Amino acid sequence: VYSTQIIANVVDPQTPDQVKFDIFKRINTGGSPLTAQEIRHCMSKKKSRDFIQRLVSRKEFQSATGEKLKDHPRMVDREVVLRFVAFRSNREQYDNFDTLDSFLTDITKQIDSGMLSEEQLQQLETDFARAMENSFKLFGDHAFRKWDKHTERLNPFNRALFDTWSVLLADYQWEQLKHHKVDIVARARQLMTSDFSFLNAITTSTNAASRINVRFSAIKKILQESMAK
Protein backbone atom coordinates (compact mmCIF):
# COMPACT_ATOMS: atom_id res chain seq x y z
CA VAL A 1 0.00 0.00 0.00
CA TYR A 2 1.42 3.33 -1.04
CA SER A 3 1.19 6.32 1.25
CA THR A 4 1.99 9.95 0.86
CA GLN A 5 1.78 13.09 2.89
CA ILE A 6 -0.90 15.59 1.89
CA ILE A 7 -0.38 19.22 2.80
CA ALA A 8 -3.58 21.21 3.26
CA ASN A 9 -4.06 24.91 3.84
CA VAL A 10 -7.30 25.82 5.57
CA VAL A 11 -8.60 29.31 4.90
CA ASP A 12 -11.05 30.70 7.42
CA PRO A 13 -14.40 31.69 5.86
CA GLN A 14 -14.03 35.16 7.35
CA THR A 15 -10.76 35.79 5.51
CA PRO A 16 -11.09 38.91 3.29
CA ASP A 17 -11.73 38.12 -0.36
CA GLN A 18 -8.58 39.90 -1.51
CA VAL A 19 -6.47 37.72 0.80
CA LYS A 20 -8.18 34.59 -0.55
CA PHE A 21 -7.51 35.83 -4.06
CA ASP A 22 -3.82 36.36 -3.28
CA ILE A 23 -3.48 32.92 -1.65
CA PHE A 24 -5.18 31.24 -4.60
CA LYS A 25 -2.88 33.11 -6.99
CA ARG A 26 0.29 32.16 -5.10
CA ILE A 27 -0.64 28.48 -4.90
CA ASN A 28 -1.50 28.39 -8.57
CA THR A 29 2.06 28.47 -9.87
CA GLY A 30 2.44 25.05 -11.51
CA GLY A 31 1.35 24.08 -15.00
CA SER A 32 -0.54 26.89 -16.73
CA PRO A 33 -1.25 29.59 -14.13
CA LEU A 34 -4.81 30.87 -14.13
CA THR A 35 -5.55 34.41 -15.20
CA ALA A 36 -6.96 36.85 -12.65
CA GLN A 37 -10.42 36.46 -14.17
CA GLU A 38 -10.23 32.67 -14.04
CA ILE A 39 -9.34 32.87 -10.35
CA ARG A 40 -12.16 35.36 -9.77
CA HIS A 41 -14.56 33.02 -11.55
CA CYS A 42 -13.50 30.11 -9.31
CA MET A 43 -14.00 32.18 -6.17
CA SER A 44 -17.27 33.83 -7.15
CA LYS A 45 -20.82 32.58 -6.70
CA LYS A 46 -23.44 31.50 -9.19
CA LYS A 47 -25.20 34.87 -9.21
CA SER A 48 -22.27 36.86 -10.59
CA ARG A 49 -21.17 34.06 -12.91
CA ASP A 50 -24.63 33.83 -14.44
CA PHE A 51 -24.99 37.59 -14.75
CA ILE A 52 -21.65 38.05 -16.52
CA GLN A 53 -22.35 35.08 -18.77
CA ARG A 54 -25.70 36.61 -19.73
CA LEU A 55 -24.02 39.82 -20.84
CA VAL A 56 -21.23 37.97 -22.65
CA SER A 57 -23.84 36.00 -24.60
CA ARG A 58 -25.73 39.05 -25.83
CA LYS A 59 -25.71 39.45 -29.61
CA GLU A 60 -24.83 43.14 -29.24
CA PHE A 61 -21.56 42.23 -27.51
CA GLN A 62 -20.69 39.59 -30.07
CA SER A 63 -21.36 42.01 -32.93
CA ALA A 64 -19.37 44.87 -31.40
CA THR A 65 -16.36 42.64 -30.78
CA GLY A 66 -16.60 40.79 -34.08
CA GLU A 67 -17.01 37.56 -32.10
CA LYS A 68 -13.24 37.67 -31.53
CA LEU A 69 -13.73 37.02 -27.81
CA LYS A 70 -16.48 34.42 -28.15
CA ASP A 71 -15.99 31.54 -25.71
CA HIS A 72 -12.51 32.84 -24.95
CA PRO A 73 -10.45 30.05 -23.33
CA ARG A 74 -8.89 32.45 -20.80
CA MET A 75 -12.11 34.35 -20.02
CA VAL A 76 -11.06 37.66 -21.56
CA ASP A 77 -14.69 38.10 -22.64
CA ARG A 78 -15.89 37.83 -19.05
CA GLU A 79 -13.17 40.15 -17.81
CA VAL A 80 -13.99 42.99 -20.21
CA VAL A 81 -17.71 42.70 -19.46
CA LEU A 82 -16.92 42.83 -15.75
CA ARG A 83 -14.81 45.93 -16.41
CA PHE A 84 -17.86 47.59 -17.93
CA VAL A 85 -19.99 46.66 -14.91
CA ALA A 86 -17.37 47.93 -12.46
CA PHE A 87 -16.60 51.23 -14.18
CA ARG A 88 -20.24 51.89 -15.00
CA SER A 89 -21.27 51.26 -11.40
CA ASN A 90 -18.40 52.61 -9.40
CA ARG A 91 -15.73 54.45 -11.43
CA GLU A 92 -15.39 57.28 -8.94
CA GLN A 93 -14.21 54.76 -6.33
CA TYR A 94 -11.38 53.32 -8.44
CA ASP A 95 -8.72 55.39 -6.68
CA ASN A 96 -9.57 53.58 -3.44
CA PHE A 97 -8.31 50.25 -4.80
CA ASP A 98 -4.70 49.13 -5.12
CA THR A 99 -5.19 47.30 -8.42
CA LEU A 100 -7.72 46.72 -11.15
CA ASP A 101 -8.01 43.12 -9.95
CA SER A 102 -9.11 44.21 -6.49
CA PHE A 103 -11.60 46.62 -8.09
CA LEU A 104 -13.09 43.83 -10.21
CA THR A 105 -13.11 41.42 -7.28
CA ASP A 106 -15.05 43.97 -5.25
CA ILE A 107 -17.75 44.45 -7.90
CA THR A 108 -18.07 40.67 -8.19
CA LYS A 109 -18.64 40.50 -4.45
CA GLN A 110 -21.25 43.27 -4.69
CA ILE A 111 -23.18 41.26 -7.26
CA ASP A 112 -22.99 38.03 -5.25
CA SER A 113 -23.92 39.66 -1.95
CA GLY A 114 -26.93 41.52 -3.33
CA MET A 115 -25.39 44.94 -2.75
CA LEU A 116 -26.30 45.53 -6.37
CA SER A 117 -30.05 44.97 -6.55
CA GLU A 118 -31.85 43.06 -9.28
CA GLU A 119 -33.12 46.40 -10.59
CA GLN A 120 -29.57 47.73 -10.77
CA LEU A 121 -28.35 44.61 -12.54
CA GLN A 122 -31.16 44.86 -15.06
CA GLN A 123 -30.28 48.50 -15.69
CA LEU A 124 -26.64 47.58 -16.17
CA GLU A 125 -27.62 44.95 -18.73
CA THR A 126 -29.78 47.47 -20.58
CA ASP A 127 -26.95 50.02 -20.51
CA PHE A 128 -24.49 47.40 -21.73
CA ALA A 129 -26.63 46.36 -24.68
CA ARG A 130 -27.14 50.02 -25.66
CA ALA A 131 -23.40 50.74 -25.40
CA MET A 132 -22.50 47.76 -27.57
CA GLU A 133 -25.05 48.70 -30.20
CA ASN A 134 -23.88 52.31 -30.25
CA SER A 135 -20.23 51.26 -30.51
CA PHE A 136 -20.84 48.99 -33.47
CA LYS A 137 -23.01 51.53 -35.29
CA LEU A 138 -20.35 54.21 -34.80
CA PHE A 139 -17.16 52.28 -35.53
CA GLY A 140 -18.20 49.03 -37.21
CA ASP A 141 -15.40 46.46 -37.25
CA HIS A 142 -13.03 49.05 -35.71
CA ALA A 143 -15.00 49.26 -32.46
CA PHE A 144 -12.68 49.05 -29.43
CA ARG A 145 -9.58 49.04 -31.63
CA LYS A 146 -6.91 51.63 -32.32
CA TRP A 147 -7.80 53.32 -35.61
CA ASP A 148 -5.63 56.24 -36.60
CA LYS A 149 -6.19 58.48 -39.62
CA HIS A 150 -3.51 56.86 -41.75
CA THR A 151 -4.69 53.27 -41.92
CA GLU A 152 -7.75 51.11 -42.38
CA ARG A 153 -5.95 48.08 -40.98
CA LEU A 154 -7.91 46.23 -38.32
CA ASN A 155 -5.92 46.41 -35.10
CA PRO A 156 -6.28 44.02 -32.14
CA PHE A 157 -9.05 44.43 -29.59
CA ASN A 158 -8.07 46.99 -26.94
CA ARG A 159 -9.42 46.55 -23.40
CA ALA A 160 -8.74 50.15 -22.40
CA LEU A 161 -10.78 51.45 -25.32
CA PHE A 162 -13.51 48.96 -24.49
CA ASP A 163 -14.11 50.03 -20.91
CA THR A 164 -13.98 53.73 -21.80
CA TRP A 165 -16.18 53.83 -24.90
CA SER A 166 -18.66 51.31 -23.53
CA VAL A 167 -19.22 53.16 -20.25
CA LEU A 168 -19.59 56.57 -21.90
CA LEU A 169 -21.70 55.48 -24.87
CA ALA A 170 -24.17 53.86 -22.49
CA ASP A 171 -25.36 57.39 -21.70
CA TYR A 172 -26.77 57.94 -25.20
CA GLN A 173 -29.53 56.62 -27.40
CA TRP A 174 -28.59 55.94 -31.01
CA GLU A 175 -31.08 58.58 -32.14
CA GLN A 176 -28.93 61.13 -30.33
CA LEU A 177 -25.67 59.89 -31.82
CA LYS A 178 -26.47 59.05 -35.43
CA HIS A 179 -26.50 62.64 -36.69
CA HIS A 180 -23.04 63.19 -35.18
CA LYS A 181 -21.45 59.92 -36.28
CA VAL A 182 -19.04 61.40 -38.83
CA ASP A 183 -17.77 64.02 -36.39
CA ILE A 184 -17.41 61.58 -33.48
CA VAL A 185 -15.45 59.07 -35.56
CA ALA A 186 -13.23 61.78 -37.06
CA ARG A 187 -12.42 63.20 -33.63
CA ALA A 188 -11.76 59.73 -32.21
CA ARG A 189 -9.38 58.87 -35.04
CA GLN A 190 -7.57 62.19 -34.65
CA LEU A 191 -7.19 61.44 -30.94
CA MET A 192 -5.63 58.08 -31.76
CA THR A 193 -3.32 59.70 -34.31
CA SER A 194 -1.79 62.72 -32.63
CA ASP A 195 -2.68 62.81 -28.93
CA PHE A 196 0.26 61.04 -27.33
CA SER A 197 -1.12 61.37 -23.83
CA PHE A 198 -4.24 59.51 -24.92
CA LEU A 199 -2.23 56.93 -26.87
CA ASN A 200 -0.17 56.22 -23.77
CA ALA A 201 -3.38 55.87 -21.74
CA ILE A 202 -4.60 53.07 -24.02
CA THR A 203 -1.23 51.41 -24.57
CA THR A 204 0.93 51.25 -21.44
CA SER A 205 0.13 51.08 -17.72
CA THR A 206 -3.51 51.24 -18.77
CA ASN A 207 -4.82 50.27 -15.32
CA ALA A 208 -3.21 53.23 -13.57
CA ALA A 209 -5.81 55.65 -12.25
CA SER A 210 -4.14 58.57 -14.03
CA ARG A 211 -4.29 56.78 -17.39
CA ILE A 212 -7.92 55.84 -16.83
CA ASN A 213 -8.78 59.46 -16.06
CA VAL A 214 -6.99 60.66 -19.20
CA ARG A 215 -8.90 58.40 -21.55
CA PHE A 216 -12.29 58.90 -19.91
CA SER A 217 -11.84 62.68 -19.99
CA ALA A 218 -10.72 62.70 -23.63
CA ILE A 219 -13.57 60.55 -24.93
CA LYS A 220 -16.15 62.34 -22.80
CA LYS A 221 -14.96 65.62 -24.34
CA ILE A 222 -15.35 64.21 -27.86
CA LEU A 223 -18.93 63.15 -27.19
CA GLN A 224 -19.91 66.39 -25.49
CA GLU A 225 -18.41 68.62 -28.17
CA SER A 226 -19.84 66.59 -31.03
CA MET A 227 -23.28 66.46 -29.50
CA ALA A 228 -23.21 70.24 -28.92
CA LYS A 229 -22.98 70.94 -32.65
C-alpha atoms as a PDB file:
ATOM      1  CA  VAL A   1       0.000   0.000   0.000  1.00  0.00           C
ATOM      2  CA  TYR A   2       1.423   3.332  -1.037  1.00  0.00           C
ATOM      3  CA  SER A   3       1.187   6.317   1.248  1.00  0.00           C
ATOM      4  CA  THR A   4       1.988   9.950   0.862  1.00  0.00           C
ATOM      5  CA  GLN A   5       1.784  13.090   2.895  1.00  0.00           C
ATOM      6  CA  ILE A   6      -0.903  15.593   1.895  1.00  0.00           C
ATOM      7  CA  ILE A   7      -0.376  19.218   2.795  1.00  0.00           C
ATOM      8  CA  ALA A   8      -3.580  21.212   3.262  1.00  0.00           C
ATOM      9  CA  ASN A   9      -4.056  24.913   3.838  1.00  0.00           C
ATOM     10  CA  VAL A  10      -7.301  25.817   5.571  1.00  0.00           C
ATOM     11  CA  VAL A  11      -8.599  29.313   4.895  1.00  0.00           C
ATOM     12  CA  ASP A  12     -11.047  30.697   7.418  1.00  0.00           C
ATOM     13  CA  PRO A  13     -14.404  31.690   5.856  1.00  0.00           C
ATOM     14  CA  GLN A  14     -14.035  35.162   7.352  1.00  0.00           C
ATOM     15  CA  THR A  15     -10.761  35.788   5.511  1.00  0.00           C
ATOM     16  CA  PRO A  16     -11.093  38.907   3.289  1.00  0.00           C
ATOM     17  CA  ASP A  17     -11.727  38.119  -0.363  1.00  0.00           C
ATOM     18  CA  GLN A  18      -8.581  39.900  -1.505  1.00  0.00           C
ATOM     19  CA  VAL A  19      -6.470  37.717   0.804  1.00  0.00           C
ATOM     20  CA  LYS A  20      -8.182  34.593  -0.546  1.00  0.00           C
ATOM     21  CA  PHE A  21      -7.510  35.834  -4.061  1.00  0.00           C
ATOM     22  CA  ASP A  22      -3.819  36.363  -3.282  1.00  0.00           C
ATOM     23  CA  ILE A  23      -3.484  32.916  -1.651  1.00  0.00           C
ATOM     24  CA  PHE A  24      -5.181  31.244  -4.603  1.00  0.00           C
ATOM     25  CA  LYS A  25      -2.884  33.109  -6.993  1.00  0.00           C
ATOM     26  CA  ARG A  26       0.287  32.159  -5.096  1.00  0.00           C
ATOM     27  CA  ILE A  27      -0.637  28.482  -4.897  1.00  0.00           C
ATOM     28  CA  ASN A  28      -1.504  28.389  -8.567  1.00  0.00           C
ATOM     29  CA  THR A  29       2.061  28.469  -9.869  1.00  0.00           C
ATOM     30  CA  GLY A  30       2.444  25.054 -11.514  1.00  0.00           C
ATOM     31  CA  GLY A  31       1.352  24.082 -14.995  1.00  0.00           C
ATOM     32  CA  SER A  32      -0.537  26.895 -16.734  1.00  0.00           C
ATOM     33  CA  PRO A  33      -1.251  29.593 -14.135  1.00  0.00           C
ATOM     34  CA  LEU A  34      -4.809  30.866 -14.133  1.00  0.00           C
ATOM     35  CA  THR A  35      -5.555  34.408 -15.196  1.00  0.00           C
ATOM     36  CA  ALA A  36      -6.958  36.850 -12.651  1.00  0.00           C
ATOM     37  CA  GLN A  37     -10.424  36.461 -14.167  1.00  0.00           C
ATOM     38  CA  GLU A  38     -10.231  32.671 -14.043  1.00  0.00           C
ATOM     39  CA  ILE A  39      -9.343  32.873 -10.348  1.00  0.00           C
ATOM     40  CA  ARG A  40     -12.158  35.361  -9.768  1.00  0.00           C
ATOM     41  CA  HIS A  41     -14.559  33.021 -11.545  1.00  0.00           C
ATOM     42  CA  CYS A  42     -13.504  30.109  -9.310  1.00  0.00           C
ATOM     43  CA  MET A  43     -14.002  32.185  -6.169  1.00  0.00           C
ATOM     44  CA  SER A  44     -17.267  33.833  -7.149  1.00  0.00           C
ATOM     45  CA  LYS A  45     -20.819  32.584  -6.699  1.00  0.00           C
ATOM     46  CA  LYS A  46     -23.440  31.502  -9.189  1.00  0.00           C
ATOM     47  CA  LYS A  47     -25.198  34.874  -9.215  1.00  0.00           C
ATOM     48  CA  SER A  48     -22.265  36.860 -10.588  1.00  0.00           C
ATOM     49  CA  ARG A  49     -21.166  34.064 -12.914  1.00  0.00           C
ATOM     50  CA  ASP A  50     -24.628  33.835 -14.442  1.00  0.00           C
ATOM     51  CA  PHE A  51     -24.987  37.593 -14.751  1.00  0.00           C
ATOM     52  CA  ILE A  52     -21.648  38.047 -16.518  1.00  0.00           C
ATOM     53  CA  GLN A  53     -22.348  35.079 -18.775  1.00  0.00           C
ATOM     54  CA  ARG A  54     -25.695  36.608 -19.728  1.00  0.00           C
ATOM     55  CA  LEU A  55     -24.016  39.824 -20.839  1.00  0.00           C
ATOM     56  CA  VAL A  56     -21.233  37.970 -22.646  1.00  0.00           C
ATOM     57  CA  SER A  57     -23.837  35.999 -24.602  1.00  0.00           C
ATOM     58  CA  ARG A  58     -25.731  39.048 -25.834  1.00  0.00           C
ATOM     59  CA  LYS A  59     -25.708  39.446 -29.606  1.00  0.00           C
ATOM     60  CA  GLU A  60     -24.830  43.139 -29.238  1.00  0.00           C
ATOM     61  CA  PHE A  61     -21.561  42.235 -27.512  1.00  0.00           C
ATOM     62  CA  GLN A  62     -20.692  39.595 -30.071  1.00  0.00           C
ATOM     63  CA  SER A  63     -21.359  42.010 -32.932  1.00  0.00           C
ATOM     64  CA  ALA A  64     -19.372  44.875 -31.400  1.00  0.00           C
ATOM     65  CA  THR A  65     -16.356  42.637 -30.779  1.00  0.00           C
ATOM     66  CA  GLY A  66     -16.597  40.787 -34.084  1.00  0.00           C
ATOM     67  CA  GLU A  67     -17.008  37.563 -32.101  1.00  0.00           C
ATOM     68  CA  LYS A  68     -13.241  37.674 -31.525  1.00  0.00           C
ATOM     69  CA  LEU A  69     -13.732  37.023 -27.806  1.00  0.00           C
ATOM     70  CA  LYS A  70     -16.476  34.425 -28.147  1.00  0.00           C
ATOM     71  CA  ASP A  71     -15.989  31.538 -25.706  1.00  0.00           C
ATOM     72  CA  HIS A  72     -12.512  32.835 -24.948  1.00  0.00           C
ATOM     73  CA  PRO A  73     -10.452  30.053 -23.328  1.00  0.00           C
ATOM     74  CA  ARG A  74      -8.891  32.445 -20.802  1.00  0.00           C
ATOM     75  CA  MET A  75     -12.113  34.349 -20.020  1.00  0.00           C
ATOM     76  CA  VAL A  76     -11.065  37.657 -21.561  1.00  0.00           C
ATOM     77  CA  ASP A  77     -14.689  38.100 -22.641  1.00  0.00           C
ATOM     78  CA  ARG A  78     -15.885  37.831 -19.046  1.00  0.00           C
ATOM     79  CA  GLU A  79     -13.170  40.151 -17.811  1.00  0.00           C
ATOM     80  CA  VAL A  80     -13.989  42.991 -20.206  1.00  0.00           C
ATOM     81  CA  VAL A  81     -17.706  42.703 -19.461  1.00  0.00           C
ATOM     82  CA  LEU A  82     -16.920  42.826 -15.745  1.00  0.00           C
ATOM     83  CA  ARG A  83     -14.811  45.926 -16.406  1.00  0.00           C
ATOM     84  CA  PHE A  84     -17.861  47.589 -17.933  1.00  0.00           C
ATOM     85  CA  VAL A  85     -19.991  46.664 -14.915  1.00  0.00           C
ATOM     86  CA  ALA A  86     -17.366  47.926 -12.462  1.00  0.00           C
ATOM     87  CA  PHE A  87     -16.602  51.226 -14.178  1.00  0.00           C
ATOM     88  CA  ARG A  88     -20.237  51.887 -15.004  1.00  0.00           C
ATOM     89  CA  SER A  89     -21.265  51.259 -11.397  1.00  0.00           C
ATOM     90  CA  ASN A  90     -18.400  52.613  -9.405  1.00  0.00           C
ATOM     91  CA  ARG A  91     -15.729  54.445 -11.432  1.00  0.00           C
ATOM     92  CA  GLU A  92     -15.390  57.277  -8.943  1.00  0.00           C
ATOM     93  CA  GLN A  93     -14.212  54.755  -6.328  1.00  0.00           C
ATOM     94  CA  TYR A  94     -11.385  53.317  -8.443  1.00  0.00           C
ATOM     95  CA  ASP A  95      -8.721  55.387  -6.682  1.00  0.00           C
ATOM     96  CA  ASN A  96      -9.571  53.577  -3.444  1.00  0.00           C
ATOM     97  CA  PHE A  97      -8.306  50.248  -4.795  1.00  0.00           C
ATOM     98  CA  ASP A  98      -4.697  49.125  -5.117  1.00  0.00           C
ATOM     99  CA  THR A  99      -5.188  47.303  -8.417  1.00  0.00           C
ATOM    100  CA  LEU A 100      -7.720  46.722 -11.154  1.00  0.00           C
ATOM    101  CA  ASP A 101      -8.005  43.115  -9.953  1.00  0.00           C
ATOM    102  CA  SER A 102      -9.114  44.207  -6.493  1.00  0.00           C
ATOM    103  CA  PHE A 103     -11.598  46.621  -8.093  1.00  0.00           C
ATOM    104  CA  LEU A 104     -13.088  43.830 -10.210  1.00  0.00           C
ATOM    105  CA  THR A 105     -13.114  41.420  -7.275  1.00  0.00           C
ATOM    106  CA  ASP A 106     -15.047  43.974  -5.252  1.00  0.00           C
ATOM    107  CA  ILE A 107     -17.754  44.454  -7.895  1.00  0.00           C
ATOM    108  CA  THR A 108     -18.068  40.666  -8.188  1.00  0.00           C
ATOM    109  CA  LYS A 109     -18.637  40.505  -4.445  1.00  0.00           C
ATOM    110  CA  GLN A 110     -21.247  43.274  -4.691  1.00  0.00           C
ATOM    111  CA  ILE A 111     -23.183  41.261  -7.257  1.00  0.00           C
ATOM    112  CA  ASP A 112     -22.989  38.032  -5.250  1.00  0.00           C
ATOM    113  CA  SER A 113     -23.921  39.665  -1.949  1.00  0.00           C
ATOM    114  CA  GLY A 114     -26.926  41.518  -3.328  1.00  0.00           C
ATOM    115  CA  MET A 115     -25.394  44.944  -2.746  1.00  0.00           C
ATOM    116  CA  LEU A 116     -26.297  45.532  -6.374  1.00  0.00           C
ATOM    117  CA  SER A 117     -30.046  44.974  -6.546  1.00  0.00           C
ATOM    118  CA  GLU A 118     -31.845  43.058  -9.281  1.00  0.00           C
ATOM    119  CA  GLU A 119     -33.117  46.397 -10.594  1.00  0.00           C
ATOM    120  CA  GLN A 120     -29.568  47.733 -10.771  1.00  0.00           C
ATOM    121  CA  LEU A 121     -28.349  44.608 -12.543  1.00  0.00           C
ATOM    122  CA  GLN A 122     -31.162  44.858 -15.058  1.00  0.00           C
ATOM    123  CA  GLN A 123     -30.283  48.504 -15.687  1.00  0.00           C
ATOM    124  CA  LEU A 124     -26.641  47.576 -16.166  1.00  0.00           C
ATOM    125  CA  GLU A 125     -27.618  44.953 -18.726  1.00  0.00           C
ATOM    126  CA  THR A 126     -29.778  47.471 -20.581  1.00  0.00           C
ATOM    127  CA  ASP A 127     -26.951  50.022 -20.507  1.00  0.00           C
ATOM    128  CA  PHE A 128     -24.487  47.402 -21.728  1.00  0.00           C
ATOM    129  CA  ALA A 129     -26.635  46.360 -24.682  1.00  0.00           C
ATOM    130  CA  ARG A 130     -27.137  50.020 -25.664  1.00  0.00           C
ATOM    131  CA  ALA A 131     -23.399  50.740 -25.397  1.00  0.00           C
ATOM    132  CA  MET A 132     -22.501  47.757 -27.567  1.00  0.00           C
ATOM    133  CA  GLU A 133     -25.051  48.695 -30.203  1.00  0.00           C
ATOM    134  CA  ASN A 134     -23.879  52.310 -30.245  1.00  0.00           C
ATOM    135  CA  SER A 135     -20.231  51.260 -30.508  1.00  0.00           C
ATOM    136  CA  PHE A 136     -20.843  48.991 -33.472  1.00  0.00           C
ATOM    137  CA  LYS A 137     -23.013  51.528 -35.287  1.00  0.00           C
ATOM    138  CA  LEU A 138     -20.352  54.206 -34.804  1.00  0.00           C
ATOM    139  CA  PHE A 139     -17.162  52.283 -35.529  1.00  0.00           C
ATOM    140  CA  GLY A 140     -18.196  49.033 -37.212  1.00  0.00           C
ATOM    141  CA  ASP A 141     -15.403  46.463 -37.246  1.00  0.00           C
ATOM    142  CA  HIS A 142     -13.027  49.046 -35.708  1.00  0.00           C
ATOM    143  CA  ALA A 143     -15.002  49.259 -32.459  1.00  0.00           C
ATOM    144  CA  PHE A 144     -12.681  49.050 -29.432  1.00  0.00           C
ATOM    145  CA  ARG A 145      -9.581  49.042 -31.628  1.00  0.00           C
ATOM    146  CA  LYS A 146      -6.906  51.625 -32.316  1.00  0.00           C
ATOM    147  CA  TRP A 147      -7.795  53.320 -35.610  1.00  0.00           C
ATOM    148  CA  ASP A 148      -5.633  56.245 -36.605  1.00  0.00           C
ATOM    149  CA  LYS A 149      -6.193  58.480 -39.616  1.00  0.00           C
ATOM    150  CA  HIS A 150      -3.513  56.856 -41.750  1.00  0.00           C
ATOM    151  CA  THR A 151      -4.686  53.266 -41.922  1.00  0.00           C
ATOM    152  CA  GLU A 152      -7.750  51.114 -42.384  1.00  0.00           C
ATOM    153  CA  ARG A 153      -5.945  48.084 -40.983  1.00  0.00           C
ATOM    154  CA  LEU A 154      -7.911  46.235 -38.322  1.00  0.00           C
ATOM    155  CA  ASN A 155      -5.921  46.410 -35.101  1.00  0.00           C
ATOM    156  CA  PRO A 156      -6.279  44.016 -32.138  1.00  0.00           C
ATOM    157  CA  PHE A 157      -9.053  44.429 -29.588  1.00  0.00           C
ATOM    158  CA  ASN A 158      -8.074  46.988 -26.941  1.00  0.00           C
ATOM    159  CA  ARG A 159      -9.419  46.549 -23.402  1.00  0.00           C
ATOM    160  CA  ALA A 160      -8.739  50.152 -22.402  1.00  0.00           C
ATOM    161  CA  LEU A 161     -10.784  51.451 -25.321  1.00  0.00           C
ATOM    162  CA  PHE A 162     -13.510  48.962 -24.492  1.00  0.00           C
ATOM    163  CA  ASP A 163     -14.111  50.027 -20.913  1.00  0.00           C
ATOM    164  CA  THR A 164     -13.981  53.731 -21.804  1.00  0.00           C
ATOM    165  CA  TRP A 165     -16.181  53.833 -24.905  1.00  0.00           C
ATOM    166  CA  SER A 166     -18.657  51.310 -23.531  1.00  0.00           C
ATOM    167  CA  VAL A 167     -19.223  53.156 -20.254  1.00  0.00           C
ATOM    168  CA  LEU A 168     -19.591  56.568 -21.896  1.00  0.00           C
ATOM    169  CA  LEU A 169     -21.698  55.477 -24.871  1.00  0.00           C
ATOM    170  CA  ALA A 170     -24.171  53.857 -22.494  1.00  0.00           C
ATOM    171  CA  ASP A 171     -25.364  57.391 -21.701  1.00  0.00           C
ATOM    172  CA  TYR A 172     -26.766  57.940 -25.202  1.00  0.00           C
ATOM    173  CA  GLN A 173     -29.529  56.619 -27.400  1.00  0.00           C
ATOM    174  CA  TRP A 174     -28.591  55.942 -31.011  1.00  0.00           C
ATOM    175  CA  GLU A 175     -31.078  58.575 -32.140  1.00  0.00           C
ATOM    176  CA  GLN A 176     -28.929  61.133 -30.327  1.00  0.00           C
ATOM    177  CA  LEU A 177     -25.669  59.891 -31.817  1.00  0.00           C
ATOM    178  CA  LYS A 178     -26.472  59.051 -35.429  1.00  0.00           C
ATOM    179  CA  HIS A 179     -26.500  62.641 -36.686  1.00  0.00           C
ATOM    180  CA  HIS A 180     -23.045  63.193 -35.184  1.00  0.00           C
ATOM    181  CA  LYS A 181     -21.448  59.915 -36.281  1.00  0.00           C
ATOM    182  CA  VAL A 182     -19.041  61.405 -38.833  1.00  0.00           C
ATOM    183  CA  ASP A 183     -17.766  64.016 -36.389  1.00  0.00           C
ATOM    184  CA  ILE A 184     -17.408  61.582 -33.485  1.00  0.00           C
ATOM    185  CA  VAL A 185     -15.454  59.073 -35.565  1.00  0.00           C
ATOM    186  CA  ALA A 186     -13.229  61.778 -37.065  1.00  0.00           C
ATOM    187  CA  ARG A 187     -12.424  63.199 -33.631  1.00  0.00           C
ATOM    188  CA  ALA A 188     -11.762  59.728 -32.212  1.00  0.00           C
ATOM    189  CA  ARG A 189      -9.378  58.867 -35.040  1.00  0.00           C
ATOM    190  CA  GLN A 190      -7.569  62.186 -34.648  1.00  0.00           C
ATOM    191  CA  LEU A 191      -7.194  61.444 -30.940  1.00  0.00           C
ATOM    192  CA  MET A 192      -5.635  58.076 -31.761  1.00  0.00           C
ATOM    193  CA  THR A 193      -3.324  59.703 -34.311  1.00  0.00           C
ATOM    194  CA  SER A 194      -1.792  62.719 -32.632  1.00  0.00           C
ATOM    195  CA  ASP A 195      -2.683  62.813 -28.929  1.00  0.00           C
ATOM    196  CA  PHE A 196       0.256  61.035 -27.335  1.00  0.00           C
ATOM    197  CA  SER A 197      -1.121  61.373 -23.831  1.00  0.00           C
ATOM    198  CA  PHE A 198      -4.240  59.505 -24.923  1.00  0.00           C
ATOM    199  CA  LEU A 199      -2.227  56.928 -26.869  1.00  0.00           C
ATOM    200  CA  ASN A 200      -0.166  56.222 -23.766  1.00  0.00           C
ATOM    201  CA  ALA A 201      -3.381  55.869 -21.744  1.00  0.00           C
ATOM    202  CA  ILE A 202      -4.603  53.066 -24.017  1.00  0.00           C
ATOM    203  CA  THR A 203      -1.226  51.405 -24.574  1.00  0.00           C
ATOM    204  CA  THR A 204       0.934  51.253 -21.440  1.00  0.00           C
ATOM    205  CA  SER A 205       0.127  51.078 -17.724  1.00  0.00           C
ATOM    206  CA  THR A 206      -3.509  51.240 -18.769  1.00  0.00           C
ATOM    207  CA  ASN A 207      -4.823  50.268 -15.324  1.00  0.00           C
ATOM    208  CA  ALA A 208      -3.207  53.234 -13.566  1.00  0.00           C
ATOM    209  CA  ALA A 209      -5.809  55.648 -12.250  1.00  0.00           C
ATOM    210  CA  SER A 210      -4.139  58.571 -14.026  1.00  0.00           C
ATOM    211  CA  ARG A 211      -4.290  56.776 -17.392  1.00  0.00           C
ATOM    212  CA  ILE A 212      -7.921  55.839 -16.827  1.00  0.00           C
ATOM    213  CA  ASN A 213      -8.784  59.457 -16.055  1.00  0.00           C
ATOM    214  CA  VAL A 214      -6.989  60.659 -19.202  1.00  0.00           C
ATOM    215  CA  ARG A 215      -8.896  58.396 -21.546  1.00  0.00           C
ATOM    216  CA  PHE A 216     -12.290  58.904 -19.911  1.00  0.00           C
ATOM    217  CA  SER A 217     -11.843  62.678 -19.987  1.00  0.00           C
ATOM    218  CA  ALA A 218     -10.719  62.702 -23.626  1.00  0.00           C
ATOM    219  CA  ILE A 219     -13.572  60.552 -24.926  1.00  0.00           C
ATOM    220  CA  LYS A 220     -16.150  62.339 -22.797  1.00  0.00           C
ATOM    221  CA  LYS A 221     -14.962  65.618 -24.341  1.00  0.00           C
ATOM    222  CA  ILE A 222     -15.354  64.207 -27.857  1.00  0.00           C
ATOM    223  CA  LEU A 223     -18.926  63.155 -27.190  1.00  0.00           C
ATOM    224  CA  GLN A 224     -19.914  66.389 -25.488  1.00  0.00           C
ATOM    225  CA  GLU A 225     -18.408  68.624 -28.171  1.00  0.00           C
ATOM    226  CA  SER A 226     -19.835  66.592 -31.033  1.00  0.00           C
ATOM    227  CA  MET A 227     -23.277  66.463 -29.496  1.00  0.00           C
ATOM    228  CA  ALA A 228     -23.214  70.241 -28.920  1.00  0.00           C
ATOM    229  CA  LYS A 229     -22.982  70.938 -32.654  1.00  0.00           C
END
